[in-house]
Amino acid sequence: MRQLWAPWRMKYILEVDRPDGCILCDKPKEDRDEENLILYRGETCFVIMNKFPYNNGHLMVAPYRHTADLAELSPKEREELMALAGMGVTVLQQVLSAHGFNIGMNLGRVAGAGIDQHLHLHIVPRWSGDTNFMPVLGEVKVISEALEETYRKLKAGFEAIGRR
């Protein structure tokens, strides 16, 4: 059997089911956006990078308000959630030259939600040819750039769009 060394995954394994607090509530309350990977703050929602991404540039858009129920979002929250998703797609196209996107929500633990009590929308950028032998045969995804470097690039992209 071959092994792929990915020591960064242990942090995810140890943190995934931590019962204390909600990171989508706690992180925006802190004044550490770069450390917390928060790229953009709207009035009712924000954009944050996924710390354990499926692909480089994997973003999440979430309301500040803690809810797991999509129907509970106010019209303003729903509108901003979608507007920030659109902004995220634009930034990922401009900054990372993404060719396509997987966008969606996992509502509830049985639907695959890792954070099931605070809804969030995933934006996963895709590129032509990004499925190669690693995920197909090895069931392993390769992240080709450090989160901090991707953060700096995307943050500049969100700032540029936010000034328009």
Protein backbone atom coordinates (compact mmCIF):
# COMPACT_ATOMS: atom_id res chain seq x y z
CA MET A 1 0.00 0.00 0.00
CA ARG A 2 1.26 3.48 -0.86
CA GLN A 3 0.82 6.31 1.58
CA LEU A 4 0.41 10.01 0.95
CA TRP A 5 1.88 12.17 3.69
CA ALA A 6 -0.64 14.91 4.54
CA PRO A 7 0.03 15.97 8.15
CA TRP A 8 -2.25 19.02 7.88
CA ARG A 9 -5.28 16.66 7.81
CA MET A 10 -4.74 15.68 11.47
CA LYS A 11 -5.81 19.14 12.59
CA TYR A 12 -9.09 18.65 10.70
CA ILE A 13 -9.60 15.18 12.16
CA LEU A 14 -9.10 16.47 15.69
CA GLU A 15 -11.23 19.60 15.25
CA VAL A 16 -14.11 18.38 13.09
CA ASP A 17 -16.48 17.36 15.89
CA ARG A 18 -15.48 19.86 18.55
CA PRO A 19 -18.65 20.69 20.48
CA ASP A 20 -17.55 24.11 21.77
CA GLY A 21 -18.93 27.02 19.80
CA CYS A 22 -19.62 27.62 16.13
CA ILE A 23 -16.71 28.76 13.97
CA LEU A 24 -19.08 30.56 11.59
CA CYS A 25 -20.33 32.60 14.55
CA ASP A 26 -17.04 32.95 16.42
CA LYS A 27 -14.59 33.82 13.62
CA PRO A 28 -16.41 36.95 12.36
CA LYS A 29 -16.55 38.31 15.94
CA GLU A 30 -12.76 38.27 16.14
CA ASP A 31 -10.55 41.01 14.69
CA ARG A 32 -8.25 38.51 12.93
CA ASP A 33 -9.59 38.23 9.40
CA GLU A 34 -6.33 37.08 7.81
CA GLU A 35 -5.73 34.41 10.43
CA ASN A 36 -9.38 33.31 10.20
CA LEU A 37 -9.33 33.41 6.38
CA ILE A 38 -12.23 35.90 6.17
CA LEU A 39 -12.04 37.54 2.76
CA TYR A 40 -15.02 39.85 2.74
CA ARG A 41 -17.57 41.20 5.21
CA GLY A 42 -20.99 42.24 4.01
CA GLU A 43 -23.85 43.65 6.04
CA THR A 44 -25.57 40.32 6.81
CA CYS A 45 -23.16 37.71 5.37
CA PHE A 46 -19.44 37.15 4.92
CA VAL A 47 -17.02 35.17 2.74
CA ILE A 48 -14.45 32.86 4.33
CA MET A 49 -11.98 30.40 2.84
CA ASN A 50 -12.47 26.77 3.71
CA LYS A 51 -9.55 25.80 5.96
CA PHE A 52 -9.75 22.23 4.65
CA PRO A 53 -10.50 22.86 0.96
CA TYR A 54 -11.60 20.48 -1.77
CA ASN A 55 -9.65 22.69 -4.21
CA ASN A 56 -7.51 25.81 -4.04
CA GLY A 57 -9.80 28.79 -3.51
CA HIS A 58 -12.66 26.81 -1.91
CA LEU A 59 -14.87 29.52 -0.39
CA MET A 60 -17.84 29.53 1.93
CA VAL A 61 -20.48 32.26 2.16
CA ALA A 62 -22.42 32.38 5.42
CA PRO A 63 -24.82 34.67 7.25
CA TYR A 64 -23.55 36.19 10.49
CA ARG A 65 -26.77 35.00 12.14
CA HIS A 66 -26.65 31.46 13.47
CA THR A 67 -29.25 29.33 11.71
CA ALA A 68 -29.34 25.93 10.05
CA ASP A 69 -32.70 26.61 8.36
CA LEU A 70 -32.59 28.10 4.87
CA ALA A 71 -36.24 29.17 5.19
CA GLU A 72 -35.33 31.27 8.27
CA LEU A 73 -33.08 33.60 6.30
CA SER A 74 -34.49 37.07 5.86
CA PRO A 75 -34.92 38.38 2.32
CA LYS A 76 -31.91 40.64 2.91
CA GLU A 77 -29.77 37.69 4.06
CA ARG A 78 -30.82 35.56 1.06
CA GLU A 79 -30.09 38.41 -1.32
CA GLU A 80 -26.65 39.10 0.14
CA LEU A 81 -25.78 35.39 0.34
CA MET A 82 -26.34 35.11 -3.43
CA ALA A 83 -24.66 38.46 -4.19
CA LEU A 84 -21.54 37.39 -2.29
CA ALA A 85 -21.60 34.02 -4.06
CA GLY A 86 -21.58 35.93 -7.35
CA MET A 87 -18.75 38.12 -6.11
CA GLY A 88 -16.82 35.01 -5.08
CA VAL A 89 -17.22 33.47 -8.53
CA THR A 90 -16.02 36.69 -10.17
CA VAL A 91 -12.96 36.91 -7.90
CA LEU A 92 -12.08 33.25 -8.46
CA GLN A 93 -12.35 33.72 -12.23
CA GLN A 94 -10.22 36.87 -12.20
CA VAL A 95 -7.60 35.82 -9.66
CA LEU A 96 -7.29 32.05 -10.07
CA SER A 97 -8.61 31.75 -13.66
CA ALA A 98 -11.19 29.16 -12.62
CA HIS A 99 -13.00 27.53 -15.55
CA GLY A 100 -16.10 26.42 -13.63
CA PHE A 101 -17.58 25.98 -10.17
CA ASN A 102 -19.40 23.58 -7.91
CA ILE A 103 -21.74 25.68 -5.77
CA GLY A 104 -24.06 24.31 -3.12
CA MET A 105 -25.12 23.70 0.45
CA ASN A 106 -25.18 20.60 2.60
CA LEU A 107 -28.12 21.15 4.94
CA GLY A 108 -27.92 18.76 7.90
CA ARG A 109 -25.30 16.29 9.08
CA VAL A 110 -26.75 13.43 7.01
CA ALA A 111 -26.42 15.62 3.90
CA GLY A 112 -22.69 15.94 4.53
CA ALA A 113 -22.56 19.21 6.46
CA GLY A 114 -19.43 19.40 8.60
CA ILE A 115 -20.91 22.46 10.32
CA ASP A 116 -24.55 21.47 10.39
CA GLN A 117 -25.98 24.11 12.75
CA HIS A 118 -24.92 27.15 10.70
CA LEU A 119 -25.82 27.08 7.03
CA HIS A 120 -23.21 28.11 4.50
CA LEU A 121 -22.83 27.99 0.75
CA HIS A 122 -19.74 26.36 -0.76
CA ILE A 123 -18.03 27.68 -3.87
CA VAL A 124 -15.46 25.21 -5.20
CA PRO A 125 -13.50 26.42 -8.23
CA ARG A 126 -12.76 23.91 -10.98
CA TRP A 127 -10.32 23.85 -13.89
CA SER A 128 -10.25 21.87 -17.10
CA GLY A 129 -8.20 18.77 -16.37
CA ASP A 130 -8.24 19.18 -12.57
CA THR A 131 -9.34 15.57 -12.18
CA ASN A 132 -6.24 13.50 -12.68
CA PHE A 133 -4.90 10.21 -11.38
CA MET A 134 -4.60 11.40 -7.75
CA PRO A 135 -8.33 11.79 -6.97
CA VAL A 136 -9.46 9.18 -9.47
CA LEU A 137 -7.11 6.32 -8.54
CA GLY A 138 -5.65 7.42 -5.22
CA GLU A 139 -8.79 9.06 -3.80
CA VAL A 140 -6.53 11.95 -2.79
CA LYS A 141 -6.83 15.65 -3.61
CA VAL A 142 -3.68 17.73 -4.08
CA ILE A 143 -3.81 21.35 -2.94
CA SER A 144 -1.09 23.09 -4.89
CA GLU A 145 -0.74 26.38 -3.02
CA ALA A 146 -0.54 27.34 0.66
CA LEU A 147 -3.77 28.76 2.10
CA GLU A 148 -1.98 31.93 3.16
CA GLU A 149 -0.79 32.66 -0.40
CA THR A 150 -4.23 31.97 -1.88
CA TYR A 151 -5.75 34.19 0.83
CA ARG A 152 -3.52 37.14 -0.12
CA LYS A 153 -4.44 36.82 -3.79
CA LEU A 154 -8.16 36.47 -3.18
CA LYS A 155 -8.26 39.23 -0.54
CA ALA A 156 -6.82 41.67 -3.10
CA GLY A 157 -9.46 40.52 -5.59
CA PHE A 158 -12.32 41.08 -3.13
CA GLU A 159 -10.92 44.49 -2.19
CA ALA A 160 -10.75 45.51 -5.86
CA ILE A 161 -14.36 44.45 -6.50
CA GLY A 162 -15.55 46.00 -3.23
CA ARG A 163 -14.21 49.40 -4.34
CA ARG A 164 -16.29 49.41 -7.53
